Amino acid sequence: MSDFTPTPERQKQILSLLARQGRLSVTEIVAQFTISEATARRDLESLASQGKARRVHGGVIAVEQAPPELPILERESEQPDEKTRIGRAAAELVSDQETVFLGSGTTVLEAARNLRNRKKLTVITNSLPVLNMLAGAKGIAVISLGGMLRESELSFIGHITEQALTEIRVDKVIMGTRGLSLAHGLTNDYLQETLTDRAILKIGREVIIVADHSKVNRVSTALLAPLNCMNTFVTDSKADKKFIQSLKKQNIKVVIV
């Protein structure tokens, strides 16, 4: 095979090889396809720009697909230490007397746990676990959005929820996501909830996304929003450094715990 082979065909074969090996170097591609280093690099840059692979020094690695999302009650054991720290840091970004929207998910639930003792706060949520967490907290006015209950996530979604969101404005939105990727932005794995989450993103003066390192450089099924929809990203110290640097270049505030 020579440099004159149509690039899409060669790129398809590179992806097939990458899927088997997980990582390819420029040297390996040159040897495998009998092409120049410059041509190999062009192919890799093209694949990276399409979000089909991730460029690293000397080669390329496969884009990691986010695994299917487990029900919320089963996810509490995933990265518990990181979620605890991230939740605490996210709560510290909320000031007394503000109105904040808390989305669904285990990391957001940790933020809710750290807001329980606030003296004066208004919390709006579509998450049943968040409601239960803040019920009875004396300094917090809790507002629940109705809708269709997604049983695995224990969150209210759908048309009724989205209609209510059109009449709400908050100081801050705190949300989680299933995957974050430079090429694909924020992604989730359940389209119906993603539509509700898009409506949530529109109501906040400041959007805070919380996610541990395992969500970084992962892509899930449904596009939620581009990365620049968030003002602040709260994650742990194991998150990919190149990803973090890219966010900072986009003027997105990053809090690392």
C-alpha atoms as a PDB file:
ATOM      1  CA  MET A   1       0.000   0.000   0.000  1.00  0.00           C
ATOM      2  CA  SER A   2       1.394   3.420  -0.964  1.00  0.00           C
ATOM      3  CA  ASP A   3       0.849   7.050  -0.130  1.00  0.00           C
ATOM      4  CA  PHE A   4      -1.512   7.221  -3.106  1.00  0.00           C
ATOM      5  CA  THR A   5      -4.102   4.962  -1.489  1.00  0.00           C
ATOM      6  CA  PRO A   6      -7.254   7.000  -0.763  1.00  0.00           C
ATOM      7  CA  THR A   7      -6.866   8.439   2.724  1.00  0.00           C
ATOM      8  CA  PRO A   8     -10.368   7.437   3.999  1.00  0.00           C
ATOM      9  CA  GLU A   9      -9.648   3.798   3.167  1.00  0.00           C
ATOM     10  CA  ARG A  10      -6.289   3.866   4.933  1.00  0.00           C
ATOM     11  CA  GLN A  11      -7.776   5.668   7.931  1.00  0.00           C
ATOM     12  CA  LYS A  12     -10.444   2.997   8.183  1.00  0.00           C
ATOM     13  CA  GLN A  13      -7.731   0.339   8.321  1.00  0.00           C
ATOM     14  CA  ILE A  14      -5.775   2.363  10.889  1.00  0.00           C
ATOM     15  CA  LEU A  15      -8.880   2.509  13.097  1.00  0.00           C
ATOM     16  CA  SER A  16      -9.370  -1.236  12.738  1.00  0.00           C
ATOM     17  CA  LEU A  17      -5.787  -1.840  13.829  1.00  0.00           C
ATOM     18  CA  LEU A  18      -6.143   0.692  16.646  1.00  0.00           C
ATOM     19  CA  ALA A  19      -9.268  -1.063  17.927  1.00  0.00           C
ATOM     20  CA  ARG A  20      -7.260  -4.282  18.297  1.00  0.00           C
ATOM     21  CA  GLN A  21      -4.124  -2.758  19.819  1.00  0.00           C
ATOM     22  CA  GLY A  22      -5.430   0.286  21.679  1.00  0.00           C
ATOM     23  CA  ARG A  23      -2.352   2.332  20.737  1.00  0.00           C
ATOM     24  CA  LEU A  24      -0.319   2.896  17.553  1.00  0.00           C
ATOM     25  CA  SER A  25       2.908   4.785  16.958  1.00  0.00           C
ATOM     26  CA  VAL A  26       3.756   6.756  13.844  1.00  0.00           C
ATOM     27  CA  THR A  27       6.609   4.284  13.249  1.00  0.00           C
ATOM     28  CA  GLU A  28       4.221   1.329  13.327  1.00  0.00           C
ATOM     29  CA  ILE A  29       1.845   3.016  10.877  1.00  0.00           C
ATOM     30  CA  VAL A  30       4.697   3.870   8.503  1.00  0.00           C
ATOM     31  CA  ALA A  31       5.852   0.234   8.526  1.00  0.00           C
ATOM     32  CA  GLN A  32       2.374  -1.272   8.320  1.00  0.00           C
ATOM     33  CA  PHE A  33       1.124   0.867   5.432  1.00  0.00           C
ATOM     34  CA  THR A  34       4.421   1.712   3.680  1.00  0.00           C
ATOM     35  CA  ILE A  35       3.823   5.447   3.825  1.00  0.00           C
ATOM     36  CA  SER A  36       5.907   8.438   4.853  1.00  0.00           C
ATOM     37  CA  GLU A  37       5.945   9.808   8.385  1.00  0.00           C
ATOM     38  CA  ALA A  38       4.336  13.030   7.155  1.00  0.00           C
ATOM     39  CA  THR A  39       1.447  11.097   5.603  1.00  0.00           C
ATOM     40  CA  ALA A  40       1.033   8.985   8.751  1.00  0.00           C
ATOM     41  CA  ARG A  41       0.866  12.121  10.883  1.00  0.00           C
ATOM     42  CA  ARG A  42      -1.722  13.691   8.567  1.00  0.00           C
ATOM     43  CA  ASP A  43      -3.900  10.603   8.885  1.00  0.00           C
ATOM     44  CA  LEU A  44      -3.617  10.667  12.672  1.00  0.00           C
ATOM     45  CA  GLU A  45      -4.391  14.370  12.877  1.00  0.00           C
ATOM     46  CA  SER A  46      -7.439  13.800  10.694  1.00  0.00           C
ATOM     47  CA  LEU A  47      -8.675  10.939  12.888  1.00  0.00           C
ATOM     48  CA  ALA A  48      -8.098  13.019  16.017  1.00  0.00           C
ATOM     49  CA  SER A  49      -9.999  15.998  14.587  1.00  0.00           C
ATOM     50  CA  GLN A  50     -12.938  13.697  13.866  1.00  0.00           C
ATOM     51  CA  GLY A  51     -12.885  12.444  17.455  1.00  0.00           C
ATOM     52  CA  LYS A  52     -12.173   8.875  16.307  1.00  0.00           C
ATOM     53  CA  ALA A  53      -8.807   8.669  18.055  1.00  0.00           C
ATOM     54  CA  ARG A  54      -6.771  10.663  20.557  1.00  0.00           C
ATOM     55  CA  ARG A  55      -3.393  12.063  19.555  1.00  0.00           C
ATOM     56  CA  VAL A  56      -0.507  11.428  21.953  1.00  0.00           C
ATOM     57  CA  HIS A  57       3.225  11.989  21.657  1.00  0.00           C
ATOM     58  CA  GLY A  58       4.562   9.762  18.900  1.00  0.00           C
ATOM     59  CA  GLY A  59       1.268   8.234  17.882  1.00  0.00           C
ATOM     60  CA  VAL A  60      -2.377   7.783  18.733  1.00  0.00           C
ATOM     61  CA  ILE A  61      -4.585   5.911  21.199  1.00  0.00           C
ATOM     62  CA  ALA A  62      -8.166   4.731  20.935  1.00  0.00           C
ATOM     63  CA  VAL A  63     -10.963   6.962  22.223  1.00  0.00           C
ATOM     64  CA  GLU A  64     -12.413   5.234  25.262  1.00  0.00           C
ATOM     65  CA  GLN A  65     -16.118   4.579  25.109  1.00  0.00           C
ATOM     66  CA  ALA A  66     -17.978   5.142  28.368  1.00  0.00           C
ATOM     67  CA  PRO A  67     -19.414   1.856  29.655  1.00  0.00           C
ATOM     68  CA  PRO A  68     -23.195   1.538  30.090  1.00  0.00           C
ATOM     69  CA  GLU A  69     -24.378   3.556  33.070  1.00  0.00           C
ATOM     70  CA  LEU A  70     -25.372   1.539  36.108  1.00  0.00           C
ATOM     71  CA  PRO A  71     -28.394   2.545  38.219  1.00  0.00           C
ATOM     72  CA  ILE A  72     -27.589   5.369  40.633  1.00  0.00           C
ATOM     73  CA  LEU A  73     -27.742   3.172  43.737  1.00  0.00           C
ATOM     74  CA  GLU A  74     -25.114   0.843  42.235  1.00  0.00           C
ATOM     75  CA  ARG A  75     -22.805   3.710  41.226  1.00  0.00           C
ATOM     76  CA  GLU A  76     -22.266   4.965  44.764  1.00  0.00           C
ATOM     77  CA  SER A  77     -19.311   2.578  45.122  1.00  0.00           C
ATOM     78  CA  GLU A  78     -17.517   3.979  42.041  1.00  0.00           C
ATOM     79  CA  GLN A  79     -14.641   6.352  42.969  1.00  0.00           C
ATOM     80  CA  PRO A  80     -16.246   7.189  46.352  1.00  0.00           C
ATOM     81  CA  ASP A  81     -13.265   9.165  47.693  1.00  0.00           C
ATOM     82  CA  GLU A  82     -13.035  11.304  44.577  1.00  0.00           C
ATOM     83  CA  LYS A  83     -16.769  11.961  44.565  1.00  0.00           C
ATOM     84  CA  THR A  84     -16.668  13.016  48.213  1.00  0.00           C
ATOM     85  CA  ARG A  85     -13.907  15.550  47.550  1.00  0.00           C
ATOM     86  CA  ILE A  86     -15.497  16.813  44.336  1.00  0.00           C
ATOM     87  CA  GLY A  87     -18.878  17.224  46.023  1.00  0.00           C
ATOM     88  CA  ARG A  88     -17.331  19.184  48.883  1.00  0.00           C
ATOM     89  CA  ALA A  89     -15.462  21.471  46.474  1.00  0.00           C
ATOM     90  CA  ALA A  90     -18.572  22.079  44.376  1.00  0.00           C
ATOM     91  CA  ALA A  91     -20.589  22.991  47.467  1.00  0.00           C
ATOM     92  CA  GLU A  92     -17.914  25.528  48.425  1.00  0.00           C
ATOM     93  CA  LEU A  93     -18.595  27.340  45.148  1.00  0.00           C
ATOM     94  CA  VAL A  94     -22.154  28.053  46.304  1.00  0.00           C
ATOM     95  CA  SER A  95     -22.727  31.138  48.445  1.00  0.00           C
ATOM     96  CA  ASP A  96     -25.460  31.587  51.037  1.00  0.00           C
ATOM     97  CA  GLN A  97     -28.643  33.256  49.746  1.00  0.00           C
ATOM     98  CA  GLU A  98     -28.061  31.936  46.232  1.00  0.00           C
ATOM     99  CA  THR A  99     -30.456  29.817  44.224  1.00  0.00           C
ATOM    100  CA  VAL A 100     -28.838  26.670  42.865  1.00  0.00           C
ATOM    101  CA  PHE A 101     -30.066  23.857  40.648  1.00  0.00           C
ATOM    102  CA  LEU A 102     -28.763  20.399  41.519  1.00  0.00           C
ATOM    103  CA  GLY A 103     -29.016  17.754  38.810  1.00  0.00           C
ATOM    104  CA  SER A 104     -29.067  13.989  39.195  1.00  0.00           C
ATOM    105  CA  GLY A 105     -26.176  11.619  39.845  1.00  0.00           C
ATOM    106  CA  THR A 106     -23.972  10.436  42.677  1.00  0.00           C
ATOM    107  CA  THR A 107     -21.378  13.223  42.495  1.00  0.00           C
ATOM    108  CA  VAL A 108     -24.051  15.939  42.587  1.00  0.00           C
ATOM    109  CA  LEU A 109     -25.588  14.096  45.539  1.00  0.00           C
ATOM    110  CA  GLU A 110     -22.304  14.589  47.391  1.00  0.00           C
ATOM    111  CA  ALA A 111     -22.561  18.320  46.707  1.00  0.00           C
ATOM    112  CA  ALA A 112     -26.070  18.254  48.188  1.00  0.00           C
ATOM    113  CA  ARG A 113     -24.748  16.468  51.279  1.00  0.00           C
ATOM    114  CA  ASN A 114     -22.281  19.299  51.821  1.00  0.00           C
ATOM    115  CA  LEU A 115     -25.002  21.951  51.488  1.00  0.00           C
ATOM    116  CA  ARG A 116     -27.271  20.540  54.192  1.00  0.00           C
ATOM    117  CA  ASN A 117     -26.044  22.856  56.938  1.00  0.00           C
ATOM    118  CA  ARG A 118     -26.262  26.105  54.987  1.00  0.00           C
ATOM    119  CA  LYS A 119     -28.170  28.876  56.742  1.00  0.00           C
ATOM    120  CA  LYS A 120     -30.017  30.346  53.779  1.00  0.00           C
ATOM    121  CA  LEU A 121     -30.170  28.703  50.373  1.00  0.00           C
ATOM    122  CA  THR A 122     -32.722  27.835  47.711  1.00  0.00           C
ATOM    123  CA  VAL A 123     -32.239  24.519  45.928  1.00  0.00           C
ATOM    124  CA  ILE A 124     -34.193  23.439  42.862  1.00  0.00           C
ATOM    125  CA  THR A 125     -33.783  19.855  41.693  1.00  0.00           C
ATOM    126  CA  ASN A 126     -35.188  17.066  39.549  1.00  0.00           C
ATOM    127  CA  SER A 127     -33.388  14.422  41.602  1.00  0.00           C
ATOM    128  CA  LEU A 128     -35.266  12.317  44.133  1.00  0.00           C
ATOM    129  CA  PRO A 129     -32.082  11.444  46.104  1.00  0.00           C
ATOM    130  CA  VAL A 130     -31.228  15.156  46.353  1.00  0.00           C
ATOM    131  CA  LEU A 131     -34.748  15.859  47.625  1.00  0.00           C
ATOM    132  CA  ASN A 132     -34.357  13.173  50.278  1.00  0.00           C
ATOM    133  CA  MET A 133     -30.910  14.442  51.206  1.00  0.00           C
ATOM    134  CA  LEU A 134     -32.096  18.024  51.777  1.00  0.00           C
ATOM    135  CA  ALA A 135     -35.514  17.284  53.245  1.00  0.00           C
ATOM    136  CA  GLY A 136     -35.669  18.767  56.735  1.00  0.00           C
ATOM    137  CA  ALA A 137     -32.607  20.977  56.300  1.00  0.00           C
ATOM    138  CA  LYS A 138     -33.749  24.097  58.146  1.00  0.00           C
ATOM    139  CA  GLY A 139     -31.809  26.695  56.173  1.00  0.00           C
ATOM    140  CA  ILE A 140     -32.702  25.381  52.738  1.00  0.00           C
ATOM    141  CA  ALA A 141     -35.822  26.035  50.708  1.00  0.00           C
ATOM    142  CA  VAL A 142     -36.219  22.994  48.445  1.00  0.00           C
ATOM    143  CA  ILE A 143     -38.173  23.140  45.194  1.00  0.00           C
ATOM    144  CA  SER A 144     -38.906  19.958  43.269  1.00  0.00           C
ATOM    145  CA  LEU A 145     -39.586  19.675  39.549  1.00  0.00           C
ATOM    146  CA  GLY A 146     -42.122  17.047  38.541  1.00  0.00           C
ATOM    147  CA  GLY A 147     -42.135  14.926  35.421  1.00  0.00           C
ATOM    148  CA  MET A 148     -41.632  11.320  34.394  1.00  0.00           C
ATOM    149  CA  LEU A 149     -39.531   9.385  36.907  1.00  0.00           C
ATOM    150  CA  ARG A 150     -36.539   7.644  35.379  1.00  0.00           C
ATOM    151  CA  GLU A 151     -36.306   4.760  37.816  1.00  0.00           C
ATOM    152  CA  SER A 152     -32.645   3.820  37.301  1.00  0.00           C
ATOM    153  CA  GLU A 153     -31.505   7.397  37.974  1.00  0.00           C
ATOM    154  CA  LEU A 154     -34.369   8.409  40.287  1.00  0.00           C
ATOM    155  CA  SER A 155     -34.649  11.668  38.362  1.00  0.00           C
ATOM    156  CA  PHE A 156     -37.626  13.492  36.870  1.00  0.00           C
ATOM    157  CA  ILE A 157     -37.315  14.070  33.126  1.00  0.00           C
ATOM    158  CA  GLY A 158     -39.399  14.742  30.045  1.00  0.00           C
ATOM    159  CA  HIS A 159     -41.800  17.366  28.754  1.00  0.00           C
ATOM    160  CA  ILE A 160     -43.314  18.395  32.106  1.00  0.00           C
ATOM    161  CA  THR A 161     -39.856  18.885  33.625  1.00  0.00           C
ATOM    162  CA  GLU A 162     -38.591  20.812  30.623  1.00  0.00           C
ATOM    163  CA  GLN A 163     -41.676  23.036  30.576  1.00  0.00           C
ATOM    164  CA  ALA A 164     -41.109  23.951  34.224  1.00  0.00           C
ATOM    165  CA  LEU A 165     -37.471  24.763  33.473  1.00  0.00           C
ATOM    166  CA  THR A 166     -38.479  27.470  30.987  1.00  0.00           C
ATOM    167  CA  GLU A 167     -39.789  29.526  33.922  1.00  0.00           C
ATOM    168  CA  ILE A 168     -36.734  29.181  36.156  1.00  0.00           C
ATOM    169  CA  ARG A 169     -33.460  31.101  36.451  1.00  0.00           C
ATOM    170  CA  VAL A 170     -30.782  30.239  39.004  1.00  0.00           C
ATOM    171  CA  ASP A 171     -27.405  31.567  40.122  1.00  0.00           C
ATOM    172  CA  LYS A 172     -25.648  28.232  39.644  1.00  0.00           C
ATOM    173  CA  VAL A 173     -26.300  24.850  38.056  1.00  0.00           C
ATOM    174  CA  ILE A 174     -24.373  21.832  39.344  1.00  0.00           C
ATOM    175  CA  MET A 175     -24.547  18.817  37.060  1.00  0.00           C
ATOM    176  CA  GLY A 176     -22.692  15.610  36.304  1.00  0.00           C
ATOM    177  CA  THR A 177     -22.119  13.935  32.955  1.00  0.00           C
ATOM    178  CA  ARG A 178     -21.197  10.480  31.703  1.00  0.00           C
ATOM    179  CA  GLY A 179     -18.328  11.543  29.479  1.00  0.00           C
ATOM    180  CA  LEU A 180     -16.169  14.539  28.571  1.00  0.00           C
ATOM    181  CA  SER A 181     -14.130  14.699  25.389  1.00  0.00           C
ATOM    182  CA  LEU A 182     -12.236  17.452  23.591  1.00  0.00           C
ATOM    183  CA  ALA A 183     -13.721  16.297  20.294  1.00  0.00           C
ATOM    184  CA  HIS A 184     -17.244  15.446  21.429  1.00  0.00           C
ATOM    185  CA  GLY A 185     -17.867  17.695  24.440  1.00  0.00           C
ATOM    186  CA  LEU A 186     -20.244  16.499  27.156  1.00  0.00           C
ATOM    187  CA  THR A 187     -22.072  13.243  26.476  1.00  0.00           C
ATOM    188  CA  ASN A 188     -24.626  11.094  28.273  1.00  0.00           C
ATOM    189  CA  ASP A 189     -25.983   7.636  27.575  1.00  0.00           C
ATOM    190  CA  TYR A 190     -29.749   8.216  27.740  1.00  0.00           C
ATOM    191  CA  LEU A 191     -31.222  10.539  25.118  1.00  0.00           C
ATOM    192  CA  GLN A 192     -34.439  11.437  26.956  1.00  0.00           C
ATOM    193  CA  GLU A 193     -32.551  12.586  30.041  1.00  0.00           C
ATOM    194  CA  THR A 194     -30.045  14.408  27.846  1.00  0.00           C
ATOM    195  CA  LEU A 195     -32.850  16.572  26.442  1.00  0.00           C
ATOM    196  CA  THR A 196     -33.877  17.518  29.979  1.00  0.00           C
ATOM    197  CA  ASP A 197     -30.254  18.195  30.929  1.00  0.00           C
ATOM    198  CA  ARG A 198     -29.891  20.544  27.952  1.00  0.00           C
ATOM    199  CA  ALA A 199     -32.830  22.544  29.274  1.00  0.00           C
ATOM    200  CA  ILE A 200     -31.181  22.645  32.709  1.00  0.00           C
ATOM    201  CA  LEU A 201     -27.960  24.058  31.256  1.00  0.00           C
ATOM    202  CA  LYS A 202     -29.874  27.069  29.916  1.00  0.00           C
ATOM    203  CA  ILE A 203     -31.168  28.275  33.287  1.00  0.00           C
ATOM    204  CA  GLY A 204     -27.918  28.914  35.136  1.00  0.00           C
ATOM    205  CA  ARG A 205     -25.889  32.117  35.303  1.00  0.00           C
ATOM    206  CA  GLU A 206     -22.957  29.807  36.051  1.00  0.00           C
ATOM    207  CA  VAL A 207     -22.737  26.139  35.034  1.00  0.00           C
ATOM    208  CA  ILE A 208     -20.589  23.860  37.195  1.00  0.00           C
ATOM    209  CA  ILE A 209     -19.881  20.368  35.857  1.00  0.00           C
ATOM    210  CA  VAL A 210     -18.699  17.774  38.378  1.00  0.00           C
ATOM    211  CA  ALA A 211     -17.041  14.543  37.252  1.00  0.00           C
ATOM    212  CA  ASP A 212     -14.211  12.325  38.464  1.00  0.00           C
ATOM    213  CA  HIS A 213     -11.225  11.383  36.303  1.00  0.00           C
ATOM    214  CA  SER A 214     -12.867   8.232  34.938  1.00  0.00           C
ATOM    215  CA  LYS A 215     -15.298  10.387  32.909  1.00  0.00           C
ATOM    216  CA  VAL A 216     -12.526  12.409  31.200  1.00  0.00           C
ATOM    217  CA  ASN A 217     -11.644  11.462  27.597  1.00  0.00           C
ATOM    218  CA  ARG A 218     -14.694   9.234  27.445  1.00  0.00           C
ATOM    219  CA  VAL A 219     -17.519   9.422  24.949  1.00  0.00           C
ATOM    220  CA  SER A 220     -21.040   8.206  25.590  1.00  0.00           C
ATOM    221  CA  THR A 221     -24.012   7.791  23.258  1.00  0.00           C
ATOM    222  CA  ALA A 222     -25.823  11.134  23.256  1.00  0.00           C
ATOM    223  CA  LEU A 223     -24.355  14.601  22.805  1.00  0.00           C
ATOM    224  CA  LEU A 224     -25.277  16.859  25.700  1.00  0.00           C
ATOM    225  CA  ALA A 225     -23.413  20.088  24.926  1.00  0.00           C
ATOM    226  CA  PRO A 226     -20.024  21.476  23.862  1.00  0.00           C
ATOM    227  CA  LEU A 227     -17.396  21.889  26.559  1.00  0.00           C
ATOM    228  CA  ASN A 228     -17.738  25.678  26.572  1.00  0.00           C
ATOM    229  CA  CYS A 229     -21.257  25.361  27.982  1.00  0.00           C
ATOM    230  CA  MET A 230     -19.620  25.057  31.393  1.00  0.00           C
ATOM    231  CA  ASN A 231     -18.038  27.867  33.336  1.00  0.00           C
ATOM    232  CA  THR A 232     -16.376  25.634  35.927  1.00  0.00           C
ATOM    233  CA  PHE A 233     -15.221  22.019  35.944  1.00  0.00           C
ATOM    234  CA  VAL A 234     -14.610  20.256  39.270  1.00  0.00           C
ATOM    235  CA  THR A 235     -12.620  17.027  39.122  1.00  0.00           C
ATOM    236  CA  ASP A 236      -9.908  15.085  40.925  1.00  0.00           C
ATOM    237  CA  SER A 237      -6.130  15.110  40.547  1.00  0.00           C
ATOM    238  CA  LYS A 238      -6.070  11.967  38.382  1.00  0.00           C
ATOM    239  CA  ALA A 239      -7.833  13.720  35.498  1.00  0.00           C
ATOM    240  CA  ASP A 240      -5.880  13.876  32.229  1.00  0.00           C
ATOM    241  CA  LYS A 241      -3.509  16.874  32.305  1.00  0.00           C
ATOM    242  CA  LYS A 242      -3.787  17.679  28.590  1.00  0.00           C
ATOM    243  CA  PHE A 243      -7.562  17.766  28.871  1.00  0.00           C
ATOM    244  CA  ILE A 244      -7.355  20.120  31.849  1.00  0.00           C
ATOM    245  CA  GLN A 245      -4.916  22.430  30.038  1.00  0.00           C
ATOM    246  CA  SER A 246      -7.234  22.566  27.032  1.00  0.00           C
ATOM    247  CA  LEU A 247     -10.146  23.637  29.250  1.00  0.00           C
ATOM    248  CA  LYS A 248      -8.056  26.395  30.792  1.00  0.00           C
ATOM    249  CA  LYS A 249      -7.140  27.676  27.326  1.00  0.00           C
ATOM    250  CA  GLN A 250     -10.889  27.961  26.678  1.00  0.00           C
ATOM    251  CA  ASN A 251     -11.208  30.140  29.822  1.00  0.00           C
ATOM    252  CA  ILE A 252     -13.049  27.416  31.710  1.00  0.00           C
ATOM    253  CA  LYS A 253     -12.239  27.493  35.406  1.00  0.00           C
ATOM    254  CA  VAL A 254     -10.931  24.149  36.680  1.00  0.00           C
ATOM    255  CA  VAL A 255     -11.049  23.103  40.335  1.00  0.00           C
ATOM    256  CA  ILE A 256      -8.901  20.056  41.112  1.00  0.00           C
ATOM    257  CA  VAL A 257      -9.266  18.222  44.407  1.00  0.00           C
END
